[in-house]
Amino acid sequence: MAFWEKIEAGIAETKRRTIGALLDALAAQKQRRNEAAFSIALIALSAKMAKADGIVTDDEIDAFRSYFHFPESEADKVRMVYQLAQQDVAGFREYLTRVAKIFEDAPEVLEDVLDCLFHVAVADGVAHPRELELLEEAAAVFKVSKPAYHRLRAAHLGLGADDPYLILGIEPGVSLEAVKSAYRALSRDHHPDALMGRGVPPDLVSISEGRMAAINAAYEQILTDYS
């Protein structure tokens, strides 16, 4: 079954129940590295982060489409998932819990989902306090590590005052070789091939670019301490 056919099948199932029930079904089926599962989870969470007015606006769809590239012929499917998620009485945290269950043994995928949610939050060029609260809530439910969360925040909001050692997940004063080792490991984990290997749709692998930019910036800043 082709990718968008899987999305359509998921929508058909959702019409009989809810998006929340569909997420539960995906968890039960252990479809952790399935592109369609990742995409449905991401669309649903994005809808919950969007203005909860029960209406899907073109601006919301355009913001989502700015990084989740889909053909115009499939726009109605994405809009349908948005509408179903926004109409569902389940809250954002309930959706987070269900998505966490789908990828419970693949924490790196949950980091990918959170990265995409950051993009949704800042798509209008402003990081609203409420959106940042929701992102922190997502990080907590997904059990994303403190260094990983700060890498994502730096990728979308700039390095700012974030400790570069925290970004790399190391302590100040470690050996230069330890610094290089941490950098190599992060570069490997966030390489586009690694993302595709864990079920991130090909059109979304570009999310690793911002993360790597934050990692590179932190690495370069740390290297000045050893020069």
C-alpha atoms as a PDB file:
ATOM      1  CA  MET A   1       0.000   0.000   0.000  1.00  0.00           C
ATOM      2  CA  ALA A   2       1.384   3.393  -1.025  1.00  0.00           C
ATOM      3  CA  PHE A   3       2.154   6.051   1.587  1.00  0.00           C
ATOM      4  CA  TRP A   4      -0.872   8.283   0.933  1.00  0.00           C
ATOM      5  CA  GLU A   5      -3.122   5.246   0.628  1.00  0.00           C
ATOM      6  CA  LYS A   6      -2.072   4.349   4.196  1.00  0.00           C
ATOM      7  CA  ILE A   7      -2.950   7.868   5.296  1.00  0.00           C
ATOM      8  CA  GLU A   8      -6.340   7.552   3.589  1.00  0.00           C
ATOM      9  CA  ALA A   9      -6.945   4.169   5.227  1.00  0.00           C
ATOM     10  CA  GLY A  10      -6.158   5.738   8.583  1.00  0.00           C
ATOM     11  CA  ILE A  11      -8.630   8.547   7.928  1.00  0.00           C
ATOM     12  CA  ALA A  12     -11.319   6.042   6.956  1.00  0.00           C
ATOM     13  CA  GLU A  13     -10.765   4.226  10.247  1.00  0.00           C
ATOM     14  CA  THR A  14     -10.808   7.496  12.154  1.00  0.00           C
ATOM     15  CA  LYS A  15     -14.199   8.445  10.712  1.00  0.00           C
ATOM     16  CA  ARG A  16     -15.559   5.365  12.458  1.00  0.00           C
ATOM     17  CA  ARG A  17     -13.896   6.305  15.748  1.00  0.00           C
ATOM     18  CA  THR A  18     -11.533   9.193  16.625  1.00  0.00           C
ATOM     19  CA  ILE A  19      -7.962  10.278  15.909  1.00  0.00           C
ATOM     20  CA  GLY A  20      -7.158   9.287  19.477  1.00  0.00           C
ATOM     21  CA  ALA A  21      -8.490   5.786  18.867  1.00  0.00           C
ATOM     22  CA  LEU A  22      -6.438   5.579  15.684  1.00  0.00           C
ATOM     23  CA  LEU A  23      -3.285   6.525  17.608  1.00  0.00           C
ATOM     24  CA  ASP A  24      -4.096   3.814  20.139  1.00  0.00           C
ATOM     25  CA  ALA A  25      -4.515   1.324  17.294  1.00  0.00           C
ATOM     26  CA  LEU A  26      -1.142   2.298  15.833  1.00  0.00           C
ATOM     27  CA  ALA A  27       0.461   1.710  19.230  1.00  0.00           C
ATOM     28  CA  ALA A  28      -1.182  -1.702  19.525  1.00  0.00           C
ATOM     29  CA  GLN A  29       0.037  -2.664  16.060  1.00  0.00           C
ATOM     30  CA  LYS A  30       3.612  -1.643  16.923  1.00  0.00           C
ATOM     31  CA  GLN A  31       3.959   0.452  13.745  1.00  0.00           C
ATOM     32  CA  ARG A  32       6.793   2.460  15.244  1.00  0.00           C
ATOM     33  CA  ARG A  33       8.859   2.929  12.126  1.00  0.00           C
ATOM     34  CA  ASN A  34       6.000   3.382   9.706  1.00  0.00           C
ATOM     35  CA  GLU A  35       6.018   6.675   7.774  1.00  0.00           C
ATOM     36  CA  ALA A  36       2.237   6.881   7.825  1.00  0.00           C
ATOM     37  CA  ALA A  37       2.138   6.412  11.618  1.00  0.00           C
ATOM     38  CA  PHE A  38       4.720   9.164  12.067  1.00  0.00           C
ATOM     39  CA  SER A  39       2.841  11.488   9.732  1.00  0.00           C
ATOM     40  CA  ILE A  40      -0.595  10.944  11.270  1.00  0.00           C
ATOM     41  CA  ALA A  41       0.842  11.487  14.756  1.00  0.00           C
ATOM     42  CA  LEU A  42       2.574  14.665  13.635  1.00  0.00           C
ATOM     43  CA  ILE A  43      -0.475  16.091  11.836  1.00  0.00           C
ATOM     44  CA  ALA A  44      -2.697  15.357  14.824  1.00  0.00           C
ATOM     45  CA  LEU A  45      -0.342  16.996  17.328  1.00  0.00           C
ATOM     46  CA  SER A  46       0.153  19.972  15.022  1.00  0.00           C
ATOM     47  CA  ALA A  47      -3.599  20.438  14.867  1.00  0.00           C
ATOM     48  CA  LYS A  48      -3.782  20.407  18.654  1.00  0.00           C
ATOM     49  CA  MET A  49      -1.077  23.066  18.799  1.00  0.00           C
ATOM     50  CA  ALA A  50      -2.845  25.235  16.251  1.00  0.00           C
ATOM     51  CA  LYS A  51      -5.509  27.713  17.376  1.00  0.00           C
ATOM     52  CA  ALA A  52      -8.178  25.562  18.993  1.00  0.00           C
ATOM     53  CA  ASP A  53     -11.136  27.216  17.330  1.00  0.00           C
ATOM     54  CA  GLY A  54     -12.407  24.084  15.632  1.00  0.00           C
ATOM     55  CA  ILE A  55     -11.719  25.562  12.204  1.00  0.00           C
ATOM     56  CA  VAL A  56      -8.822  24.706   9.929  1.00  0.00           C
ATOM     57  CA  THR A  57      -7.594  27.860   8.235  1.00  0.00           C
ATOM     58  CA  ASP A  58      -5.522  28.092   5.093  1.00  0.00           C
ATOM     59  CA  ASP A  59      -2.773  29.774   7.144  1.00  0.00           C
ATOM     60  CA  GLU A  60      -2.543  26.748   9.429  1.00  0.00           C
ATOM     61  CA  ILE A  61      -2.363  24.382   6.487  1.00  0.00           C
ATOM     62  CA  ASP A  62       0.251  26.572   4.765  1.00  0.00           C
ATOM     63  CA  ALA A  63       2.382  26.674   7.915  1.00  0.00           C
ATOM     64  CA  PHE A  64       2.258  22.895   8.161  1.00  0.00           C
ATOM     65  CA  ARG A  65       2.926  22.542   4.458  1.00  0.00           C
ATOM     66  CA  SER A  66       6.040  24.731   4.700  1.00  0.00           C
ATOM     67  CA  TYR A  67       7.986  21.729   5.949  1.00  0.00           C
ATOM     68  CA  PHE A  68       5.660  18.755   5.432  1.00  0.00           C
ATOM     69  CA  HIS A  69       5.590  18.776   1.655  1.00  0.00           C
ATOM     70  CA  PHE A  70       2.602  17.078   0.113  1.00  0.00           C
ATOM     71  CA  PRO A  71       1.002  17.297  -3.337  1.00  0.00           C
ATOM     72  CA  GLU A  72      -2.050  19.483  -3.778  1.00  0.00           C
ATOM     73  CA  SER A  73      -4.053  16.369  -4.564  1.00  0.00           C
ATOM     74  CA  GLU A  74      -3.456  15.173  -0.989  1.00  0.00           C
ATOM     75  CA  ALA A  75      -4.241  18.482   0.767  1.00  0.00           C
ATOM     76  CA  ASP A  76      -7.765  17.348   1.600  1.00  0.00           C
ATOM     77  CA  LYS A  77      -6.395  14.325   3.493  1.00  0.00           C
ATOM     78  CA  VAL A  78      -4.150  16.523   5.644  1.00  0.00           C
ATOM     79  CA  ARG A  79      -7.011  18.960   6.212  1.00  0.00           C
ATOM     80  CA  MET A  80      -9.256  16.077   7.225  1.00  0.00           C
ATOM     81  CA  VAL A  81      -6.816  14.832   9.866  1.00  0.00           C
ATOM     82  CA  TYR A  82      -6.518  18.423  11.154  1.00  0.00           C
ATOM     83  CA  GLN A  83     -10.289  18.752  11.403  1.00  0.00           C
ATOM     84  CA  LEU A  84     -10.766  15.386  13.077  1.00  0.00           C
ATOM     85  CA  ALA A  85      -8.041  16.129  15.618  1.00  0.00           C
ATOM     86  CA  GLN A  86      -9.425  19.567  16.414  1.00  0.00           C
ATOM     87  CA  GLN A  87     -12.944  18.197  16.812  1.00  0.00           C
ATOM     88  CA  ASP A  88     -11.775  15.418  19.137  1.00  0.00           C
ATOM     89  CA  VAL A  89     -12.538  16.213  22.785  1.00  0.00           C
ATOM     90  CA  ALA A  90      -9.231  14.655  23.852  1.00  0.00           C
ATOM     91  CA  GLY A  91      -6.652  17.249  24.869  1.00  0.00           C
ATOM     92  CA  PHE A  92      -3.079  17.879  23.766  1.00  0.00           C
ATOM     93  CA  ARG A  93      -1.586  15.890  26.643  1.00  0.00           C
ATOM     94  CA  GLU A  94      -3.761  12.879  25.857  1.00  0.00           C
ATOM     95  CA  TYR A  95      -2.476  12.947  22.286  1.00  0.00           C
ATOM     96  CA  LEU A  96       1.100  13.265  23.531  1.00  0.00           C
ATOM     97  CA  THR A  97       0.638  10.205  25.721  1.00  0.00           C
ATOM     98  CA  ARG A  98      -0.756   8.190  22.831  1.00  0.00           C
ATOM     99  CA  VAL A  99       2.037   9.211  20.473  1.00  0.00           C
ATOM    100  CA  ALA A 100       4.613   8.409  23.160  1.00  0.00           C
ATOM    101  CA  LYS A 101       3.108   4.920  23.343  1.00  0.00           C
ATOM    102  CA  ILE A 102       3.518   4.388  19.597  1.00  0.00           C
ATOM    103  CA  PHE A 103       7.222   5.174  19.733  1.00  0.00           C
ATOM    104  CA  GLU A 104       7.948   4.042  23.284  1.00  0.00           C
ATOM    105  CA  ASP A 105      10.964   1.944  22.289  1.00  0.00           C
ATOM    106  CA  ALA A 106      12.243   4.495  19.748  1.00  0.00           C
ATOM    107  CA  PRO A 107      12.904   7.671  21.798  1.00  0.00           C
ATOM    108  CA  GLU A 108      14.883   9.238  18.967  1.00  0.00           C
ATOM    109  CA  VAL A 109      11.686   9.295  16.883  1.00  0.00           C
ATOM    110  CA  LEU A 110       9.914  11.225  19.620  1.00  0.00           C
ATOM    111  CA  GLU A 111      12.740  13.759  19.425  1.00  0.00           C
ATOM    112  CA  ASP A 112      12.034  14.030  15.686  1.00  0.00           C
ATOM    113  CA  VAL A 113       8.333  14.632  16.396  1.00  0.00           C
ATOM    114  CA  LEU A 114       9.193  17.328  18.945  1.00  0.00           C
ATOM    115  CA  ASP A 115      11.508  18.977  16.420  1.00  0.00           C
ATOM    116  CA  CYS A 116       8.619  19.216  13.958  1.00  0.00           C
ATOM    117  CA  LEU A 117       6.352  20.638  16.660  1.00  0.00           C
ATOM    118  CA  PHE A 118       8.933  23.349  17.308  1.00  0.00           C
ATOM    119  CA  HIS A 119       8.706  24.228  13.631  1.00  0.00           C
ATOM    120  CA  VAL A 120       4.922  24.482  13.864  1.00  0.00           C
ATOM    121  CA  ALA A 121       5.181  26.707  16.932  1.00  0.00           C
ATOM    122  CA  VAL A 122       7.556  29.222  15.333  1.00  0.00           C
ATOM    123  CA  ALA A 123       6.114  29.082  11.816  1.00  0.00           C
ATOM    124  CA  ASP A 124       4.669  32.582  12.266  1.00  0.00           C
ATOM    125  CA  GLY A 125       8.064  33.922  13.345  1.00  0.00           C
ATOM    126  CA  VAL A 126       7.072  34.267  17.008  1.00  0.00           C
ATOM    127  CA  ALA A 127       7.547  31.838  19.877  1.00  0.00           C
ATOM    128  CA  HIS A 128       4.413  32.459  21.954  1.00  0.00           C
ATOM    129  CA  PRO A 129       4.701  31.668  25.689  1.00  0.00           C
ATOM    130  CA  ARG A 130       1.778  29.233  25.540  1.00  0.00           C
ATOM    131  CA  GLU A 131       3.338  27.367  22.626  1.00  0.00           C
ATOM    132  CA  LEU A 132       6.628  27.105  24.513  1.00  0.00           C
ATOM    133  CA  GLU A 133       4.709  25.699  27.473  1.00  0.00           C
ATOM    134  CA  LEU A 134       3.175  23.063  25.210  1.00  0.00           C
ATOM    135  CA  LEU A 135       6.590  22.176  23.799  1.00  0.00           C
ATOM    136  CA  GLU A 136       7.993  21.752  27.298  1.00  0.00           C
ATOM    137  CA  GLU A 137       5.013  19.576  28.141  1.00  0.00           C
ATOM    138  CA  ALA A 138       5.671  17.472  25.036  1.00  0.00           C
ATOM    139  CA  ALA A 139       9.333  17.076  26.008  1.00  0.00           C
ATOM    140  CA  ALA A 140       8.294  15.901  29.464  1.00  0.00           C
ATOM    141  CA  VAL A 141       5.740  13.377  28.198  1.00  0.00           C
ATOM    142  CA  PHE A 142       8.146  12.124  25.525  1.00  0.00           C
ATOM    143  CA  LYS A 143      10.921  11.925  28.158  1.00  0.00           C
ATOM    144  CA  VAL A 144      13.255  13.883  25.890  1.00  0.00           C
ATOM    145  CA  SER A 145      16.563  14.492  27.648  1.00  0.00           C
ATOM    146  CA  LYS A 146      17.548  17.971  28.769  1.00  0.00           C
ATOM    147  CA  PRO A 147      20.432  18.195  26.229  1.00  0.00           C
ATOM    148  CA  ALA A 148      18.141  17.036  23.406  1.00  0.00           C
ATOM    149  CA  TYR A 149      15.485  19.597  24.337  1.00  0.00           C
ATOM    150  CA  HIS A 150      18.043  22.397  24.413  1.00  0.00           C
ATOM    151  CA  ARG A 151      19.410  21.296  21.028  1.00  0.00           C
ATOM    152  CA  LEU A 152      15.925  21.570  19.539  1.00  0.00           C
ATOM    153  CA  ARG A 153      15.257  24.907  21.213  1.00  0.00           C
ATOM    154  CA  ALA A 154      18.584  26.268  19.949  1.00  0.00           C
ATOM    155  CA  ALA A 155      17.858  24.946  16.452  1.00  0.00           C
ATOM    156  CA  HIS A 156      14.669  27.013  16.233  1.00  0.00           C
ATOM    157  CA  LEU A 157      15.281  29.936  18.575  1.00  0.00           C
ATOM    158  CA  GLY A 158      19.053  30.327  18.346  1.00  0.00           C
ATOM    159  CA  LEU A 159      21.842  29.297  20.696  1.00  0.00           C
ATOM    160  CA  GLY A 160      21.297  32.295  22.923  1.00  0.00           C
ATOM    161  CA  ALA A 161      22.398  31.719  26.487  1.00  0.00           C
ATOM    162  CA  ASP A 162      22.097  27.958  26.234  1.00  0.00           C
ATOM    163  CA  ASP A 163      25.275  26.331  27.501  1.00  0.00           C
ATOM    164  CA  PRO A 164      27.103  24.800  24.510  1.00  0.00           C
ATOM    165  CA  TYR A 165      28.230  21.940  26.752  1.00  0.00           C
ATOM    166  CA  LEU A 166      24.583  21.226  27.535  1.00  0.00           C
ATOM    167  CA  ILE A 167      23.795  21.190  23.813  1.00  0.00           C
ATOM    168  CA  LEU A 168      26.440  18.483  23.302  1.00  0.00           C
ATOM    169  CA  GLY A 169      25.471  16.656  26.490  1.00  0.00           C
ATOM    170  CA  ILE A 170      28.908  16.849  28.119  1.00  0.00           C
ATOM    171  CA  GLU A 171      30.404  18.459  31.215  1.00  0.00           C
ATOM    172  CA  PRO A 172      32.822  21.412  31.092  1.00  0.00           C
ATOM    173  CA  GLY A 173      36.420  20.340  31.567  1.00  0.00           C
ATOM    174  CA  VAL A 174      36.185  17.003  29.766  1.00  0.00           C
ATOM    175  CA  SER A 175      38.999  16.034  27.459  1.00  0.00           C
ATOM    176  CA  LEU A 176      39.135  17.343  23.918  1.00  0.00           C
ATOM    177  CA  GLU A 177      38.750  13.766  22.693  1.00  0.00           C
ATOM    178  CA  ALA A 178      35.541  13.442  24.724  1.00  0.00           C
ATOM    179  CA  VAL A 179      34.254  16.620  23.098  1.00  0.00           C
ATOM    180  CA  LYS A 180      35.041  15.261  19.636  1.00  0.00           C
ATOM    181  CA  SER A 181      33.504  11.896  20.481  1.00  0.00           C
ATOM    182  CA  ALA A 182      30.245  13.515  21.622  1.00  0.00           C
ATOM    183  CA  TYR A 183      30.161  15.623  18.472  1.00  0.00           C
ATOM    184  CA  ARG A 184      30.731  12.621  16.193  1.00  0.00           C
ATOM    185  CA  ALA A 185      27.982  10.646  17.927  1.00  0.00           C
ATOM    186  CA  LEU A 186      25.465  13.475  17.592  1.00  0.00           C
ATOM    187  CA  SER A 187      26.408  14.025  13.952  1.00  0.00           C
ATOM    188  CA  ARG A 188      25.792  10.354  13.268  1.00  0.00           C
ATOM    189  CA  ASP A 189      22.462  10.254  15.121  1.00  0.00           C
ATOM    190  CA  HIS A 190      21.113  13.335  13.338  1.00  0.00           C
ATOM    191  CA  HIS A 191      22.305  12.498   9.831  1.00  0.00           C
ATOM    192  CA  PRO A 192      19.445  12.413   7.273  1.00  0.00           C
ATOM    193  CA  ASP A 193      20.039   8.699   6.656  1.00  0.00           C
ATOM    194  CA  ALA A 194      19.530   8.026  10.363  1.00  0.00           C
ATOM    195  CA  LEU A 195      16.208   9.875  10.356  1.00  0.00           C
ATOM    196  CA  MET A 196      14.939   7.992   7.309  1.00  0.00           C
ATOM    197  CA  GLY A 197      16.043   4.737   8.915  1.00  0.00           C
ATOM    198  CA  ARG A 198      13.713   5.342  11.861  1.00  0.00           C
ATOM    199  CA  GLY A 199      10.627   6.140   9.780  1.00  0.00           C
ATOM    200  CA  VAL A 200      10.766   9.886   9.284  1.00  0.00           C
ATOM    201  CA  PRO A 201       9.145  10.650   5.898  1.00  0.00           C
ATOM    202  CA  PRO A 202      11.772  11.680   3.301  1.00  0.00           C
ATOM    203  CA  ASP A 203      10.277  15.169   2.939  1.00  0.00           C
ATOM    204  CA  LEU A 204      10.881  15.797   6.630  1.00  0.00           C
ATOM    205  CA  VAL A 205      14.536  14.792   6.902  1.00  0.00           C
ATOM    206  CA  SER A 206      15.457  18.443   6.460  1.00  0.00           C
ATOM    207  CA  ILE A 207      14.505  18.917  10.115  1.00  0.00           C
ATOM    208  CA  SER A 208      17.958  17.566  10.931  1.00  0.00           C
ATOM    209  CA  GLU A 209      19.570  20.641   9.356  1.00  0.00           C
ATOM    210  CA  GLY A 210      18.559  22.987  12.159  1.00  0.00           C
ATOM    211  CA  ARG A 211      19.616  20.498  14.803  1.00  0.00           C
ATOM    212  CA  MET A 212      23.001  20.031  13.175  1.00  0.00           C
ATOM    213  CA  ALA A 213      23.447  23.788  12.909  1.00  0.00           C
ATOM    214  CA  ALA A 214      22.912  24.070  16.677  1.00  0.00           C
ATOM    215  CA  ILE A 215      25.268  21.171  17.323  1.00  0.00           C
ATOM    216  CA  ASN A 216      27.938  22.662  15.046  1.00  0.00           C
ATOM    217  CA  ALA A 217      27.617  26.083  16.675  1.00  0.00           C
ATOM    218  CA  ALA A 218      27.982  24.604  20.151  1.00  0.00           C
ATOM    219  CA  TYR A 219      30.946  22.482  19.042  1.00  0.00           C
ATOM    220  CA  GLU A 220      32.749  25.435  17.507  1.00  0.00           C
ATOM    221  CA  GLN A 221      32.130  27.513  20.624  1.00  0.00           C
ATOM    222  CA  ILE A 222      33.523  24.768  22.855  1.00  0.00           C
ATOM    223  CA  LEU A 223      36.594  24.341  20.677  1.00  0.00           C
ATOM    224  CA  THR A 224      37.563  27.941  21.430  1.00  0.00           C
ATOM    225  CA  ASP A 225      38.043  26.865  25.054  1.00  0.00           C
ATOM    226  CA  TYR A 226      40.719  24.411  23.931  1.00  0.00           C
ATOM    227  CA  SER A 227      42.546  26.674  21.519  1.00  0.00           C
END
